[in-house]
Amino acid sequence: MQYRKDRYGNNISALGFGCMRFTKSGTSIDLEKAEREIMTAYRAGVNYYDTAYIYPGSEDALGKILAKNGIRSKVNVATKLPQYLIGSRAAIDRYFEEQLSRLQTDYIDYYLMHMLTDLAAWEKLCALGIKNWIEQQKAAGRIRQIGFSFHGNTAMFLKILNAYDWDFCQIQYNYMDEVSQAGREGLKAAAAKWIPVIIMEPLRGGKLVDLLPKKAAEKIDSAPHGYSRAELAFRWLWDQPEVTCVLSGMNSVAMVEENCRIAAEAVPGSFTEEDHALIREVRELISENVKVPCTGCGYCMPCPQGVDIPGAFRCYNEMYTEKKSTGRHEFMQVIALRKDPAFPSRCVACGRCESHCPQHIPIITKLKEADKALRPLPYRIAQGIARWYLFRK
């Protein structure tokens, strides 16, 4: 196992165990199976285990396994405050105490504000006294490092990154999200501030393995280096020194062993020019089904009405390069749940964006198409309810 440093010089394993996808037996987590997988990872050198309050049964299962095997003090536990459920200072304490109980511990190594999509969500927590609360928990040794996990665009990531003295952060990042979500720009901005970056969704929830277009899958499978689809994606990440730890939701011993092997081999600088060329070809093949040839350059921005034009087009394209539900879910996370609306429907057809677009995309027309596809009536209703809940006074 290779290790990379956190902000204070501690070793974090390059591979982290994502505990969201433990195998279920009926409605409960299969504890025996999860224990075999966690202990296999532990013996191979994995020391970072990521869970969250809202992962059903995950915190409880992880706590039981670590306690049973006497390894709590030998690993790093990361879990997350469900900030979207918080309405008072008392609620912060209540959720945190419940998490400590579930995890059978009296401290959390890496504690995150879960799924910040908008600076407004952090500001709401600040109004409830979260900064003072963090200081108290750190002083008491109950939280060792504080961070946030993020879904949104690069500009919003940079705002949140600069809004507090974070110890670390967690972003969605993979070879298809290089210029979306926090993106490479966000990764490098965090590294420039000596803020470690934990990577989630390195395979886009398995889509870069099982849901690749046929031609893209064949291109990887026939490449001379013999990497699997997952290995190619992991090696692309670990080639970047700014990446601290890559989370993988491993749910078999064989998967744990294979990912640990890759993590031990894939050091920065080991990805060849041929490998990079393969990634470029695969991206192009995945993008053959896109509806809008948007490169995410951002020349169309800022929109006077606040529309996130590149974000909307990326989500629209994902409906056709992956699945319709994938694009709509992404839209919900990165656009619909911002305090200041960025919906395509806000377009007033001023034409400013079209005059600046180097791809000469008919943006006004395509935004209407994207809005119709991304927000059918059930999704508009769900988004409205979610927004009311998140931004209620």
Protein backbone atom coordinates (compact mmCIF):
# COMPACT_ATOMS: atom_id res chain seq x y z
CA MET A 1 0.00 0.00 0.00
CA GLN A 2 1.26 3.47 -0.74
CA TYR A 3 0.46 6.32 1.63
CA ARG A 4 -0.02 10.02 1.13
CA LYS A 5 0.09 12.72 3.79
CA ASP A 6 -2.73 14.67 5.33
CA ARG A 7 -2.36 18.31 6.34
CA TYR A 8 -0.56 17.40 9.56
CA GLY A 9 1.82 14.80 8.17
CA ASN A 10 -0.22 11.72 9.05
CA ASN A 11 -0.26 8.80 6.62
CA ILE A 12 -3.49 8.12 4.74
CA SER A 13 -3.67 5.02 2.58
CA ALA A 14 -4.02 5.86 -1.10
CA LEU A 15 -7.01 3.51 -1.18
CA GLY A 16 -9.88 4.16 1.19
CA PHE A 17 -12.76 1.83 1.99
CA GLY A 18 -16.11 3.36 1.07
CA CYS A 19 -18.67 1.82 3.43
CA MET A 20 -21.83 2.90 1.62
CA ARG A 21 -22.24 -0.28 -0.39
CA PHE A 22 -21.93 -3.07 2.17
CA THR A 23 -23.80 -6.15 0.96
CA LYS A 24 -27.29 -6.56 2.39
CA SER A 25 -28.77 -9.81 3.65
CA GLY A 26 -32.46 -9.11 3.47
CA THR A 27 -32.85 -5.63 4.90
CA SER A 28 -29.73 -5.77 7.08
CA ILE A 29 -26.04 -5.57 6.29
CA ASP A 30 -24.30 -8.94 6.03
CA LEU A 31 -21.89 -8.33 8.91
CA GLU A 32 -19.80 -11.46 8.40
CA LYS A 33 -19.18 -10.62 4.77
CA ALA A 34 -18.46 -6.97 5.51
CA GLU A 35 -16.03 -8.03 8.25
CA ARG A 36 -14.09 -10.27 5.86
CA GLU A 37 -13.79 -7.43 3.37
CA ILE A 38 -12.78 -4.80 5.95
CA MET A 39 -10.23 -7.04 7.59
CA THR A 40 -8.76 -8.02 4.22
CA ALA A 41 -8.35 -4.32 3.46
CA TYR A 42 -6.90 -3.63 6.91
CA ARG A 43 -4.30 -6.37 6.58
CA ALA A 44 -3.34 -4.97 3.16
CA GLY A 45 -2.69 -1.55 4.69
CA VAL A 46 -5.96 0.36 4.14
CA ASN A 47 -6.36 2.76 7.05
CA TYR A 48 -9.17 5.10 5.90
CA TYR A 49 -12.82 4.00 6.27
CA ASP A 50 -15.57 6.31 5.07
CA THR A 51 -19.20 6.19 6.14
CA ALA A 52 -22.07 8.64 6.78
CA TYR A 53 -25.13 9.11 8.95
CA ILE A 54 -27.54 8.46 6.09
CA TYR A 55 -25.93 5.23 4.79
CA PRO A 56 -28.42 2.70 6.19
CA GLY A 57 -26.74 0.54 8.83
CA SER A 58 -23.23 1.52 7.73
CA GLU A 59 -21.99 3.40 10.79
CA ASP A 60 -23.34 0.72 13.10
CA ALA A 61 -21.77 -2.09 11.07
CA LEU A 62 -18.38 -0.39 10.86
CA GLY A 63 -18.40 0.32 14.59
CA LYS A 64 -19.16 -3.31 15.44
CA ILE A 65 -16.46 -4.66 13.13
CA LEU A 66 -13.73 -2.31 14.35
CA ALA A 67 -14.61 -2.97 18.01
CA LYS A 68 -14.79 -6.75 17.59
CA ASN A 69 -11.34 -6.87 15.99
CA GLY A 70 -9.75 -4.32 18.33
CA ILE A 71 -8.51 -2.06 15.54
CA ARG A 72 -10.40 1.20 16.14
CA SER A 73 -7.26 3.04 17.26
CA LYS A 74 -5.29 1.69 14.29
CA VAL A 75 -7.52 3.11 11.54
CA ASN A 76 -9.02 6.43 10.51
CA VAL A 77 -12.80 6.71 10.61
CA ALA A 78 -14.47 9.34 8.44
CA THR A 79 -18.15 10.11 8.79
CA LYS A 80 -20.41 13.02 7.95
CA LEU A 81 -22.81 15.43 9.62
CA PRO A 82 -26.12 15.39 7.68
CA GLN A 83 -26.16 19.19 7.37
CA TYR A 84 -29.31 19.10 5.21
CA LEU A 85 -31.23 17.74 8.24
CA ILE A 86 -29.91 20.36 10.66
CA GLY A 87 -32.22 23.10 11.91
CA SER A 88 -30.70 24.00 15.27
CA ARG A 89 -27.51 23.88 17.32
CA ALA A 90 -29.08 21.15 19.45
CA ALA A 91 -29.56 19.02 16.34
CA ILE A 92 -25.84 19.17 15.59
CA ASP A 93 -25.09 17.71 19.02
CA ARG A 94 -27.84 15.11 18.72
CA TYR A 95 -26.65 13.71 15.39
CA PHE A 96 -23.00 13.74 16.44
CA GLU A 97 -23.66 11.89 19.69
CA GLU A 98 -25.71 9.30 17.82
CA GLN A 99 -22.86 8.78 15.36
CA LEU A 100 -20.33 8.27 18.16
CA SER A 101 -22.66 5.68 19.68
CA ARG A 102 -23.18 3.86 16.40
CA LEU A 103 -19.46 3.78 15.71
CA GLN A 104 -18.63 2.67 19.29
CA THR A 105 -16.01 5.37 19.62
CA ASP A 106 -15.41 8.60 21.49
CA TYR A 107 -13.77 10.46 18.60
CA ILE A 108 -13.96 10.85 14.81
CA ASP A 109 -10.72 11.15 12.87
CA TYR A 110 -12.13 12.92 9.82
CA TYR A 111 -15.52 14.62 10.16
CA LEU A 112 -17.24 16.12 7.13
CA MET A 113 -20.11 18.46 6.43
CA HIS A 114 -22.00 16.11 4.13
CA MET A 115 -22.84 17.07 0.55
CA LEU A 116 -22.39 20.81 0.43
CA THR A 117 -23.70 21.99 -2.93
CA ASP A 118 -24.00 25.67 -2.18
CA LEU A 119 -22.17 28.18 0.00
CA ALA A 120 -25.57 29.00 1.51
CA ALA A 121 -25.68 25.60 3.22
CA TRP A 122 -22.40 26.34 5.00
CA GLU A 123 -23.56 29.86 5.90
CA LYS A 124 -26.72 28.40 7.42
CA LEU A 125 -24.59 26.16 9.65
CA CYS A 126 -22.42 29.13 10.57
CA ALA A 127 -25.54 31.00 11.70
CA LEU A 128 -26.27 28.06 14.02
CA GLY A 129 -22.80 28.29 15.57
CA ILE A 130 -21.03 25.46 13.76
CA LYS A 131 -17.61 27.15 13.89
CA ASN A 132 -17.68 27.42 17.66
CA TRP A 133 -19.01 23.87 17.89
CA ILE A 134 -16.13 22.55 15.77
CA GLU A 135 -13.59 24.37 17.94
CA GLN A 136 -15.11 22.84 21.08
CA GLN A 137 -15.09 19.30 19.65
CA LYS A 138 -11.52 19.64 18.44
CA ALA A 139 -10.36 20.99 21.79
CA ALA A 140 -12.03 18.02 23.50
CA GLY A 141 -10.34 15.58 21.10
CA ARG A 142 -13.68 14.34 19.77
CA ILE A 143 -13.00 15.55 16.21
CA ARG A 144 -9.46 15.43 14.91
CA GLN A 145 -9.91 16.96 11.47
CA ILE A 146 -12.80 18.79 9.84
CA GLY A 147 -13.76 18.82 6.17
CA PHE A 148 -16.62 18.79 3.71
CA SER A 149 -17.87 16.63 0.88
CA PHE A 150 -18.98 18.43 -2.25
CA HIS A 151 -21.31 18.10 -5.22
CA GLY A 152 -21.62 21.17 -7.41
CA ASN A 153 -19.65 23.19 -9.91
CA THR A 154 -16.07 24.40 -9.73
CA ALA A 155 -16.92 28.02 -8.91
CA MET A 156 -19.05 27.02 -5.92
CA PHE A 157 -16.39 24.57 -4.73
CA LEU A 158 -13.82 27.36 -4.68
CA LYS A 159 -16.16 29.58 -2.64
CA ILE A 160 -16.70 26.88 -0.03
CA LEU A 161 -13.00 25.96 -0.03
CA ASN A 162 -12.11 29.55 0.82
CA ALA A 163 -14.91 30.08 3.34
CA TYR A 164 -13.21 28.26 6.23
CA ASP A 165 -9.87 26.84 7.32
CA TRP A 166 -10.67 23.27 6.32
CA ASP A 167 -8.40 20.33 7.15
CA PHE A 168 -9.48 18.26 4.13
CA CYS A 169 -12.22 17.90 1.54
CA GLN A 170 -13.93 15.19 -0.49
CA ILE A 171 -14.93 15.56 -4.14
CA GLN A 172 -16.40 13.53 -6.97
CA TYR A 173 -13.59 13.16 -9.49
CA ASN A 174 -12.79 10.75 -12.31
CA TYR A 175 -11.66 10.95 -15.92
CA MET A 176 -15.14 11.99 -17.05
CA ASP A 177 -15.45 14.69 -14.36
CA GLU A 178 -12.12 16.37 -15.04
CA VAL A 179 -13.76 19.69 -15.97
CA SER A 180 -17.05 19.27 -14.08
CA GLN A 181 -17.98 19.11 -10.39
CA ALA A 182 -14.95 20.46 -8.47
CA GLY A 183 -12.81 19.21 -11.35
CA ARG A 184 -9.06 19.37 -11.79
CA GLU A 185 -9.16 23.10 -11.08
CA GLY A 186 -10.73 22.45 -7.69
CA LEU A 187 -8.32 19.61 -6.96
CA LYS A 188 -5.33 21.82 -7.64
CA ALA A 189 -6.80 24.74 -5.68
CA ALA A 190 -7.18 22.53 -2.62
CA ALA A 191 -3.67 21.15 -3.00
CA ALA A 192 -2.30 24.70 -3.28
CA LYS A 193 -3.75 25.38 0.18
CA TRP A 194 -2.25 22.12 1.51
CA ILE A 195 -5.73 20.68 1.90
CA PRO A 196 -5.83 16.91 1.28
CA VAL A 197 -8.41 15.72 -1.23
CA ILE A 198 -10.38 12.51 -0.79
CA ILE A 199 -11.88 11.18 -4.03
CA MET A 200 -15.36 9.69 -4.22
CA GLU A 201 -17.06 8.18 -7.28
CA PRO A 202 -13.78 7.25 -9.01
CA LEU A 203 -15.79 4.93 -11.27
CA ARG A 204 -18.95 7.10 -11.31
CA GLY A 205 -20.79 4.51 -9.26
CA GLY A 206 -19.51 1.67 -11.46
CA LYS A 207 -20.60 3.35 -14.70
CA LEU A 208 -17.02 3.54 -15.97
CA VAL A 209 -16.92 -0.23 -15.66
CA ASP A 210 -20.34 -1.69 -16.41
CA LEU A 211 -22.16 1.04 -18.36
CA LEU A 212 -19.52 2.11 -20.85
CA PRO A 213 -20.62 2.31 -24.48
CA LYS A 214 -19.64 -0.86 -26.32
CA LYS A 215 -16.90 0.79 -28.38
CA ALA A 216 -15.36 2.46 -25.32
CA ALA A 217 -15.37 -0.82 -23.38
CA GLU A 218 -13.78 -2.67 -26.30
CA LYS A 219 -11.10 -0.01 -26.64
CA ILE A 220 -10.03 -0.49 -23.00
CA ASP A 221 -10.35 -4.28 -23.07
CA SER A 222 -8.12 -4.57 -26.15
CA ALA A 223 -5.42 -2.12 -25.01
CA PRO A 224 -1.94 -3.70 -24.77
CA HIS A 225 -1.28 -2.86 -21.11
CA GLY A 226 -4.04 -5.24 -20.04
CA TYR A 227 -5.62 -2.94 -17.45
CA SER A 228 -9.19 -3.64 -16.48
CA ARG A 229 -11.68 -0.79 -16.90
CA ALA A 230 -11.53 -0.11 -13.16
CA GLU A 231 -7.74 -0.25 -13.05
CA LEU A 232 -7.43 2.31 -15.84
CA ALA A 233 -9.69 4.73 -13.94
CA PHE A 234 -7.84 4.21 -10.65
CA ARG A 235 -4.41 4.60 -12.23
CA TRP A 236 -5.50 7.86 -13.88
CA LEU A 237 -6.36 9.20 -10.41
CA TRP A 238 -3.30 7.95 -8.54
CA ASP A 239 -1.04 9.40 -11.22
CA GLN A 240 -2.00 12.83 -9.84
CA PRO A 241 -0.01 13.76 -6.72
CA GLU A 242 -2.77 16.12 -5.57
CA VAL A 243 -5.03 13.10 -4.97
CA THR A 244 -4.67 11.98 -1.36
CA CYS A 245 -7.01 9.00 -1.09
CA VAL A 246 -9.41 7.29 -3.50
CA LEU A 247 -12.52 5.73 -1.98
CA SER A 248 -13.84 2.47 -3.37
CA GLY A 249 -17.11 0.85 -2.33
CA MET A 250 -15.64 -2.64 -2.27
CA ASN A 251 -18.06 -5.51 -1.70
CA SER A 252 -16.02 -8.65 -2.27
CA VAL A 253 -12.70 -9.92 -0.98
CA ALA A 254 -11.48 -10.32 -4.56
CA MET A 255 -12.28 -6.67 -5.27
CA VAL A 256 -10.46 -5.57 -2.12
CA GLU A 257 -7.37 -7.59 -3.05
CA GLU A 258 -7.35 -6.29 -6.63
CA ASN A 259 -7.78 -2.65 -5.63
CA CYS A 260 -5.06 -2.97 -2.99
CA ARG A 261 -2.70 -4.37 -5.62
CA ILE A 262 -3.37 -1.41 -7.92
CA ALA A 263 -3.00 1.07 -5.05
CA ALA A 264 0.42 -0.36 -4.24
CA GLU A 265 1.64 -0.04 -7.84
CA ALA A 266 0.07 3.17 -9.16
CA VAL A 267 2.43 5.94 -8.09
CA PRO A 268 2.49 9.48 -9.51
CA GLY A 269 4.20 9.61 -12.88
CA SER A 270 3.54 5.96 -13.75
CA PHE A 271 0.69 6.75 -16.17
CA THR A 272 2.24 6.78 -19.65
CA GLU A 273 1.46 8.99 -22.62
CA GLU A 274 -0.13 5.94 -24.23
CA ASP A 275 -2.40 5.64 -21.19
CA HIS A 276 -3.40 9.30 -21.45
CA ALA A 277 -4.10 8.84 -25.16
CA LEU A 278 -6.35 5.89 -24.33
CA ILE A 279 -8.27 8.01 -21.81
CA ARG A 280 -8.78 10.69 -24.46
CA GLU A 281 -10.08 8.12 -26.95
CA VAL A 282 -12.43 6.61 -24.37
CA ARG A 283 -13.79 10.05 -23.49
CA GLU A 284 -14.48 10.72 -27.16
CA LEU A 285 -16.29 7.41 -27.56
CA ILE A 286 -18.39 8.01 -24.46
CA SER A 287 -19.24 11.47 -25.79
CA GLU A 288 -20.51 10.25 -29.17
CA ASN A 289 -24.06 10.20 -27.82
CA VAL A 290 -24.03 13.71 -26.36
CA LYS A 291 -26.92 16.00 -27.19
CA VAL A 292 -24.94 19.24 -26.90
CA PRO A 293 -21.26 19.53 -27.97
CA CYS A 294 -20.41 21.65 -24.91
CA THR A 295 -16.80 21.41 -23.75
CA GLY A 296 -17.43 23.14 -20.42
CA CYS A 297 -15.07 25.99 -21.34
CA GLY A 298 -17.27 28.54 -19.56
CA TYR A 299 -17.03 31.31 -22.16
CA CYS A 300 -20.84 31.56 -22.01
CA MET A 301 -20.67 32.47 -18.34
CA PRO A 302 -21.68 34.26 -16.25
CA CYS A 303 -25.30 34.23 -17.35
CA PRO A 304 -27.08 37.47 -16.35
CA GLN A 305 -30.01 35.36 -15.13
CA GLY A 306 -27.85 32.97 -13.15
CA VAL A 307 -28.34 29.92 -15.39
CA ASP A 308 -25.56 27.33 -15.02
CA ILE A 309 -25.27 26.72 -18.74
CA PRO A 310 -22.32 24.25 -18.78
CA GLY A 311 -23.76 22.41 -15.77
CA ALA A 312 -27.18 22.01 -17.37
CA PHE A 313 -25.68 20.74 -20.61
CA ARG A 314 -23.42 18.28 -18.81
CA CYS A 315 -26.38 16.79 -16.93
CA TYR A 316 -28.44 16.71 -20.14
CA ASN A 317 -25.64 14.86 -21.92
CA GLU A 318 -25.31 12.36 -19.07
CA MET A 319 -28.90 11.31 -19.68
CA TYR A 320 -27.74 9.93 -23.03
CA THR A 321 -24.15 8.86 -22.34
CA GLU A 322 -25.22 6.98 -19.19
CA LYS A 323 -28.85 6.81 -18.05
CA LYS A 324 -31.69 9.31 -17.91
CA SER A 325 -31.93 8.91 -14.15
CA THR A 326 -28.19 9.58 -13.81
CA GLY A 327 -28.41 12.94 -15.54
CA ARG A 328 -31.48 13.95 -13.58
CA HIS A 329 -29.92 12.92 -10.27
CA GLU A 330 -26.79 14.89 -11.11
CA PHE A 331 -28.93 17.92 -11.99
CA MET A 332 -30.70 17.65 -8.64
CA GLN A 333 -27.38 17.62 -6.76
CA VAL A 334 -25.39 20.27 -8.59
CA ILE A 335 -28.03 22.74 -9.78
CA ALA A 336 -31.50 22.24 -8.32
CA LEU A 337 -30.39 22.35 -4.70
CA ARG A 338 -28.60 25.68 -4.83
CA LYS A 339 -30.14 28.49 -2.84
CA ASP A 340 -29.97 30.83 -5.85
CA PRO A 341 -31.76 29.03 -8.70
CA ALA A 342 -29.70 28.19 -11.76
CA PHE A 343 -32.43 26.44 -13.76
CA PRO A 344 -32.37 26.58 -17.59
CA SER A 345 -35.94 27.89 -17.43
CA ARG A 346 -34.56 31.22 -16.18
CA CYS A 347 -33.13 31.92 -19.65
CA VAL A 348 -34.65 35.10 -21.18
CA ALA A 349 -33.03 34.58 -24.59
CA CYS A 350 -30.77 37.63 -24.34
CA GLY A 351 -28.24 35.90 -26.61
CA ARG A 352 -25.14 37.00 -24.71
CA CYS A 353 -24.01 33.39 -24.22
CA GLU A 354 -24.38 32.49 -27.90
CA SER A 355 -22.23 35.42 -28.99
CA HIS A 356 -19.38 34.13 -26.79
CA CYS A 357 -19.64 30.39 -27.45
CA PRO A 358 -16.58 29.09 -29.40
CA GLN A 359 -18.55 25.97 -30.37
CA HIS A 360 -21.36 28.11 -31.88
CA ILE A 361 -23.96 26.12 -29.97
CA PRO A 362 -27.57 27.37 -30.25
CA ILE A 363 -27.63 27.70 -26.47
CA ILE A 364 -31.09 29.24 -26.14
CA THR A 365 -32.74 26.38 -28.00
CA LYS A 366 -30.66 23.71 -26.30
CA LEU A 367 -31.41 25.09 -22.84
CA LYS A 368 -35.13 24.67 -23.52
CA GLU A 369 -34.51 21.07 -24.60
CA ALA A 370 -32.37 20.41 -21.54
CA ASP A 371 -34.92 21.86 -19.13
CA LYS A 372 -37.71 19.76 -20.60
CA ALA A 373 -35.62 16.57 -20.42
CA LEU A 374 -34.09 17.16 -17.01
CA ARG A 375 -37.19 18.38 -15.21
CA PRO A 376 -40.30 16.37 -16.06
CA LEU A 377 -43.20 17.08 -13.72
CA PRO A 378 -42.34 14.49 -10.99
CA TYR A 379 -38.79 15.86 -10.78
CA ARG A 380 -39.98 19.47 -10.64
CA ILE A 381 -42.24 18.56 -7.74
CA ALA A 382 -39.44 16.68 -5.93
CA GLN A 383 -37.03 19.55 -6.48
CA GLY A 384 -39.56 22.04 -5.13
CA ILE A 385 -40.10 20.00 -1.98
CA ALA A 386 -36.36 19.51 -1.46
CA ARG A 387 -35.65 23.21 -1.93
CA TRP A 388 -38.38 24.18 0.52
CA TYR A 389 -36.98 21.80 3.10
CA LEU A 390 -33.38 22.91 2.68
CA PHE A 391 -33.96 26.65 2.60
CA ARG A 392 -36.87 27.03 5.00
CA LYS A 393 -36.30 29.59 7.71
